[in-house]
Amino acid sequence: MSNGHTPGPWRAVQASNSGQVHILAEVNGYDRAISMDIWNDCDEQEANVRLIAAAPDLLEALEHCVDSLGSEFALPSECIQQARAAIAKARGA
């Protein structure tokens, strides 16, 4: 399995005449399916779809925040550790 992921943005698209939702990303001008096993049949599923579609943006924002922090910021060390652990998990480390 690759350590990389399909770059964002990702978007959720409701399949016609079914409850299935496709998570798509545009790659080289073509839509690429990221996931097709999500059924949007309740509020929880809808929330999961939104979270998955936002994943690349969330990772990029978290990496930017962690990279931008300098020693002048007095954040609790557990906040930085938690952020770095989440980034590592997303990167497959």
N, C-alpha and C. Protein backbone atom coordinates (compact mmCIF):
# COMPACT_ATOMS: atom_id res chain seq x y z
N MET A 1 0.83 -1.17 0.00
CA MET A 1 0.00 0.00 0.00
C MET A 1 0.88 1.24 0.00
N SER A 2 0.51 2.22 -0.77
CA SER A 2 1.27 3.45 -0.88
C SER A 2 1.10 4.30 0.38
N ASN A 3 2.16 5.02 0.74
CA ASN A 3 2.07 5.95 1.87
C ASN A 3 1.36 7.23 1.47
N GLY A 4 1.25 7.49 0.16
CA GLY A 4 0.58 8.69 -0.32
C GLY A 4 -0.91 8.46 -0.45
N HIS A 5 -1.61 9.53 -0.69
CA HIS A 5 -3.06 9.41 -0.90
C HIS A 5 -3.43 10.23 -2.12
N THR A 6 -4.61 10.00 -2.63
CA THR A 6 -5.11 10.79 -3.74
C THR A 6 -5.29 12.22 -3.25
N PRO A 7 -4.69 13.18 -3.93
CA PRO A 7 -4.79 14.56 -3.44
C PRO A 7 -6.23 15.08 -3.48
N GLY A 8 -6.51 16.00 -2.60
CA GLY A 8 -7.83 16.62 -2.56
C GLY A 8 -7.91 17.72 -3.61
N PRO A 9 -9.01 18.37 -3.72
CA PRO A 9 -10.16 18.16 -2.84
C PRO A 9 -10.95 16.92 -3.23
N TRP A 10 -11.56 16.34 -2.24
CA TRP A 10 -12.48 15.23 -2.46
C TRP A 10 -13.89 15.79 -2.32
N ARG A 11 -14.84 15.11 -2.94
CA ARG A 11 -16.23 15.53 -2.81
C ARG A 11 -17.14 14.32 -2.77
N ALA A 12 -18.25 14.48 -2.10
CA ALA A 12 -19.24 13.41 -1.99
C ALA A 12 -20.30 13.63 -3.07
N VAL A 13 -20.61 12.56 -3.79
CA VAL A 13 -21.61 12.63 -4.85
C VAL A 13 -22.62 11.51 -4.64
N GLN A 14 -23.89 11.88 -4.52
CA GLN A 14 -24.96 10.90 -4.35
C GLN A 14 -25.18 10.16 -5.66
N ALA A 15 -25.16 8.83 -5.62
CA ALA A 15 -25.43 8.03 -6.82
C ALA A 15 -26.91 8.15 -7.14
N SER A 16 -27.23 8.17 -8.41
CA SER A 16 -28.63 8.31 -8.81
C SER A 16 -29.41 7.05 -8.46
N ASN A 17 -30.59 7.23 -7.93
CA ASN A 17 -31.54 6.14 -7.62
C ASN A 17 -31.02 5.12 -6.60
N SER A 18 -30.13 5.52 -5.73
CA SER A 18 -29.70 4.62 -4.67
C SER A 18 -29.24 5.47 -3.50
N GLY A 19 -29.03 4.85 -2.38
CA GLY A 19 -28.52 5.56 -1.23
C GLY A 19 -27.02 5.61 -1.20
N GLN A 20 -26.38 5.04 -2.20
CA GLN A 20 -24.92 4.96 -2.20
C GLN A 20 -24.31 6.33 -2.52
N VAL A 21 -23.23 6.65 -1.81
CA VAL A 21 -22.51 7.89 -2.03
C VAL A 21 -21.09 7.54 -2.47
N HIS A 22 -20.63 8.24 -3.48
CA HIS A 22 -19.27 8.05 -3.98
C HIS A 22 -18.42 9.23 -3.50
N ILE A 23 -17.24 8.94 -3.01
CA ILE A 23 -16.26 9.97 -2.70
C ILE A 23 -15.34 10.05 -3.90
N LEU A 24 -15.29 11.22 -4.55
CA LEU A 24 -14.55 11.37 -5.79
C LEU A 24 -13.48 12.45 -5.64
N ALA A 25 -12.42 12.28 -6.40
CA ALA A 25 -11.39 13.31 -6.53
C ALA A 25 -11.05 13.43 -8.00
N GLU A 26 -10.74 14.63 -8.43
CA GLU A 26 -10.34 14.82 -9.82
C GLU A 26 -8.84 14.59 -9.94
N VAL A 27 -8.47 13.65 -10.81
CA VAL A 27 -7.07 13.32 -11.04
C VAL A 27 -6.83 13.40 -12.54
N ASN A 28 -5.93 14.28 -12.94
CA ASN A 28 -5.61 14.47 -14.36
C ASN A 28 -6.85 14.72 -15.20
N GLY A 29 -7.78 15.51 -14.66
CA GLY A 29 -8.98 15.87 -15.41
C GLY A 29 -10.10 14.85 -15.38
N TYR A 30 -9.90 13.74 -14.68
CA TYR A 30 -10.92 12.70 -14.61
C TYR A 30 -11.31 12.45 -13.15
N ASP A 31 -12.58 12.12 -12.95
CA ASP A 31 -13.01 11.76 -11.60
C ASP A 31 -12.47 10.39 -11.25
N ARG A 32 -11.95 10.29 -10.04
CA ARG A 32 -11.43 9.02 -9.53
C ARG A 32 -12.19 8.68 -8.25
N ALA A 33 -12.73 7.47 -8.21
CA ALA A 33 -13.48 7.05 -7.03
C ALA A 33 -12.51 6.75 -5.89
N ILE A 34 -12.78 7.34 -4.73
CA ILE A 34 -11.98 7.09 -3.54
C ILE A 34 -12.64 5.98 -2.74
N SER A 35 -13.96 6.05 -2.62
CA SER A 35 -14.73 5.05 -1.88
C SER A 35 -16.12 4.96 -2.46
N MET A 36 -16.64 3.75 -2.57
CA MET A 36 -17.99 3.58 -3.10
C MET A 36 -18.81 2.70 -2.19
N ASP A 37 -18.40 2.49 -0.97
CA ASP A 37 -19.09 1.57 -0.07
C ASP A 37 -19.84 2.28 1.05
N ILE A 38 -20.24 3.50 0.81
CA ILE A 38 -20.92 4.28 1.83
C ILE A 38 -22.38 4.43 1.42
N TRP A 39 -23.26 4.13 2.35
CA TRP A 39 -24.69 4.28 2.09
C TRP A 39 -25.21 5.40 2.95
N ASN A 40 -25.79 6.38 2.31
CA ASN A 40 -26.25 7.58 3.00
C ASN A 40 -27.71 7.39 3.41
N ASP A 41 -27.92 6.53 4.42
CA ASP A 41 -29.30 6.23 4.81
C ASP A 41 -29.64 6.69 6.22
N CYS A 42 -28.76 7.48 6.84
CA CYS A 42 -29.06 8.03 8.16
C CYS A 42 -28.12 9.20 8.42
N ASP A 43 -28.41 9.96 9.48
CA ASP A 43 -27.60 11.13 9.80
C ASP A 43 -26.15 10.77 10.07
N GLU A 44 -25.91 9.64 10.73
CA GLU A 44 -24.55 9.22 11.04
C GLU A 44 -23.76 8.95 9.76
N GLN A 45 -24.38 8.28 8.81
CA GLN A 45 -23.70 8.00 7.54
C GLN A 45 -23.39 9.30 6.80
N GLU A 46 -24.33 10.24 6.84
CA GLU A 46 -24.12 11.51 6.17
C GLU A 46 -22.93 12.25 6.80
N ALA A 47 -22.84 12.21 8.13
CA ALA A 47 -21.71 12.82 8.82
C ALA A 47 -20.40 12.13 8.44
N ASN A 48 -20.41 10.80 8.32
CA ASN A 48 -19.21 10.06 7.92
C ASN A 48 -18.76 10.46 6.51
N VAL A 49 -19.71 10.62 5.61
CA VAL A 49 -19.41 11.02 4.24
C VAL A 49 -18.73 12.39 4.23
N ARG A 50 -19.29 13.33 4.98
CA ARG A 50 -18.69 14.68 5.03
C ARG A 50 -17.27 14.63 5.59
N LEU A 51 -17.06 13.83 6.63
CA LEU A 51 -15.74 13.71 7.25
C LEU A 51 -14.73 13.12 6.27
N ILE A 52 -15.11 12.08 5.59
CA ILE A 52 -14.21 11.44 4.62
C ILE A 52 -13.87 12.41 3.50
N ALA A 53 -14.85 13.12 2.99
CA ALA A 53 -14.61 14.06 1.89
C ALA A 53 -13.69 15.20 2.34
N ALA A 54 -13.74 15.56 3.61
CA ALA A 54 -12.90 16.66 4.12
C ALA A 54 -11.50 16.20 4.54
N ALA A 55 -11.23 14.91 4.56
CA ALA A 55 -9.98 14.38 5.09
C ALA A 55 -8.72 15.03 4.51
N PRO A 56 -8.56 15.16 3.20
CA PRO A 56 -7.34 15.77 2.69
C PRO A 56 -7.16 17.21 3.17
N ASP A 57 -8.26 17.96 3.23
CA ASP A 57 -8.19 19.35 3.69
C ASP A 57 -7.84 19.42 5.17
N LEU A 58 -8.40 18.53 5.96
CA LEU A 58 -8.10 18.50 7.39
C LEU A 58 -6.63 18.17 7.63
N LEU A 59 -6.11 17.18 6.90
CA LEU A 59 -4.71 16.80 7.05
C LEU A 59 -3.79 17.96 6.67
N GLU A 60 -4.08 18.59 5.56
CA GLU A 60 -3.26 19.71 5.10
C GLU A 60 -3.29 20.86 6.12
N ALA A 61 -4.46 21.16 6.64
CA ALA A 61 -4.58 22.24 7.63
C ALA A 61 -3.81 21.91 8.91
N LEU A 62 -3.93 20.67 9.37
CA LEU A 62 -3.23 20.28 10.60
C LEU A 62 -1.72 20.32 10.40
N GLU A 63 -1.25 19.82 9.26
CA GLU A 63 0.19 19.87 8.98
C GLU A 63 0.68 21.31 8.93
N HIS A 64 -0.10 22.19 8.30
CA HIS A 64 0.28 23.60 8.21
C HIS A 64 0.36 24.23 9.60
N CYS A 65 -0.62 23.94 10.44
CA CYS A 65 -0.63 24.49 11.80
C CYS A 65 0.58 24.01 12.60
N VAL A 66 0.86 22.72 12.55
CA VAL A 66 1.98 22.16 13.31
C VAL A 66 3.30 22.72 12.78
N ASP A 67 3.43 22.81 11.44
CA ASP A 67 4.67 23.33 10.85
C ASP A 67 4.87 24.82 11.15
N SER A 68 3.78 25.55 11.33
CA SER A 68 3.86 26.99 11.55
C SER A 68 4.14 27.37 12.99
N LEU A 69 3.96 26.44 13.90
CA LEU A 69 4.17 26.75 15.31
C LEU A 69 5.66 26.90 15.60
N GLY A 70 5.96 27.92 16.32
CA GLY A 70 7.35 28.13 16.73
C GLY A 70 7.42 28.08 18.24
N SER A 71 8.58 28.31 18.77
CA SER A 71 8.76 28.25 20.21
C SER A 71 8.05 29.39 20.93
N GLU A 72 7.62 30.42 20.19
CA GLU A 72 6.94 31.54 20.84
C GLU A 72 5.50 31.19 21.25
N PHE A 73 4.98 30.08 20.78
CA PHE A 73 3.63 29.66 21.14
C PHE A 73 3.70 28.73 22.35
N ALA A 74 2.92 29.02 23.34
CA ALA A 74 2.92 28.22 24.57
C ALA A 74 1.71 27.29 24.56
N LEU A 75 1.72 26.36 23.67
CA LEU A 75 0.64 25.36 23.63
C LEU A 75 1.04 24.17 24.49
N PRO A 76 0.06 23.54 25.09
CA PRO A 76 0.37 22.33 25.87
C PRO A 76 1.03 21.28 24.96
N SER A 77 2.06 20.64 25.48
CA SER A 77 2.79 19.67 24.67
C SER A 77 1.90 18.52 24.20
N GLU A 78 0.86 18.17 25.00
CA GLU A 78 -0.02 17.09 24.58
C GLU A 78 -0.82 17.46 23.33
N CYS A 79 -1.07 18.76 23.12
CA CYS A 79 -1.77 19.19 21.89
C CYS A 79 -0.91 18.92 20.66
N ILE A 80 0.35 19.28 20.75
CA ILE A 80 1.27 19.06 19.63
C ILE A 80 1.48 17.57 19.41
N GLN A 81 1.65 16.81 20.49
CA GLN A 81 1.83 15.36 20.37
C GLN A 81 0.61 14.72 19.72
N GLN A 82 -0.57 15.15 20.12
CA GLN A 82 -1.80 14.59 19.56
C GLN A 82 -1.90 14.92 18.07
N ALA A 83 -1.55 16.14 17.70
CA ALA A 83 -1.60 16.55 16.30
C ALA A 83 -0.60 15.74 15.47
N ARG A 84 0.61 15.58 15.99
CA ARG A 84 1.63 14.81 15.25
C ARG A 84 1.24 13.33 15.14
N ALA A 85 0.60 12.79 16.17
CA ALA A 85 0.14 11.39 16.12
C ALA A 85 -0.96 11.23 15.07
N ALA A 86 -1.84 12.20 14.97
CA ALA A 86 -2.91 12.14 13.97
C ALA A 86 -2.34 12.22 12.55
N ILE A 87 -1.35 13.09 12.38
CA ILE A 87 -0.70 13.21 11.06
C ILE A 87 0.00 11.90 10.70
N ALA A 88 0.72 11.32 11.65
CA ALA A 88 1.40 10.05 11.41
C ALA A 88 0.41 8.95 11.05
N LYS A 89 -0.70 8.90 11.75
CA LYS A 89 -1.75 7.90 11.46
C LYS A 89 -2.27 8.08 10.05
N ALA A 90 -2.52 9.33 9.65
CA ALA A 90 -3.02 9.60 8.30
C ALA A 90 -1.99 9.25 7.24
N ARG A 91 -0.72 9.39 7.58
CA ARG A 91 0.36 9.09 6.64
C ARG A 91 0.77 7.62 6.65
N GLY A 92 0.19 6.83 7.54
CA GLY A 92 0.49 5.40 7.58
C GLY A 92 1.69 5.04 8.42
N ALA A 93 2.13 5.95 9.26
CA ALA A 93 3.32 5.68 10.09
C ALA A 93 2.91 5.04 11.41
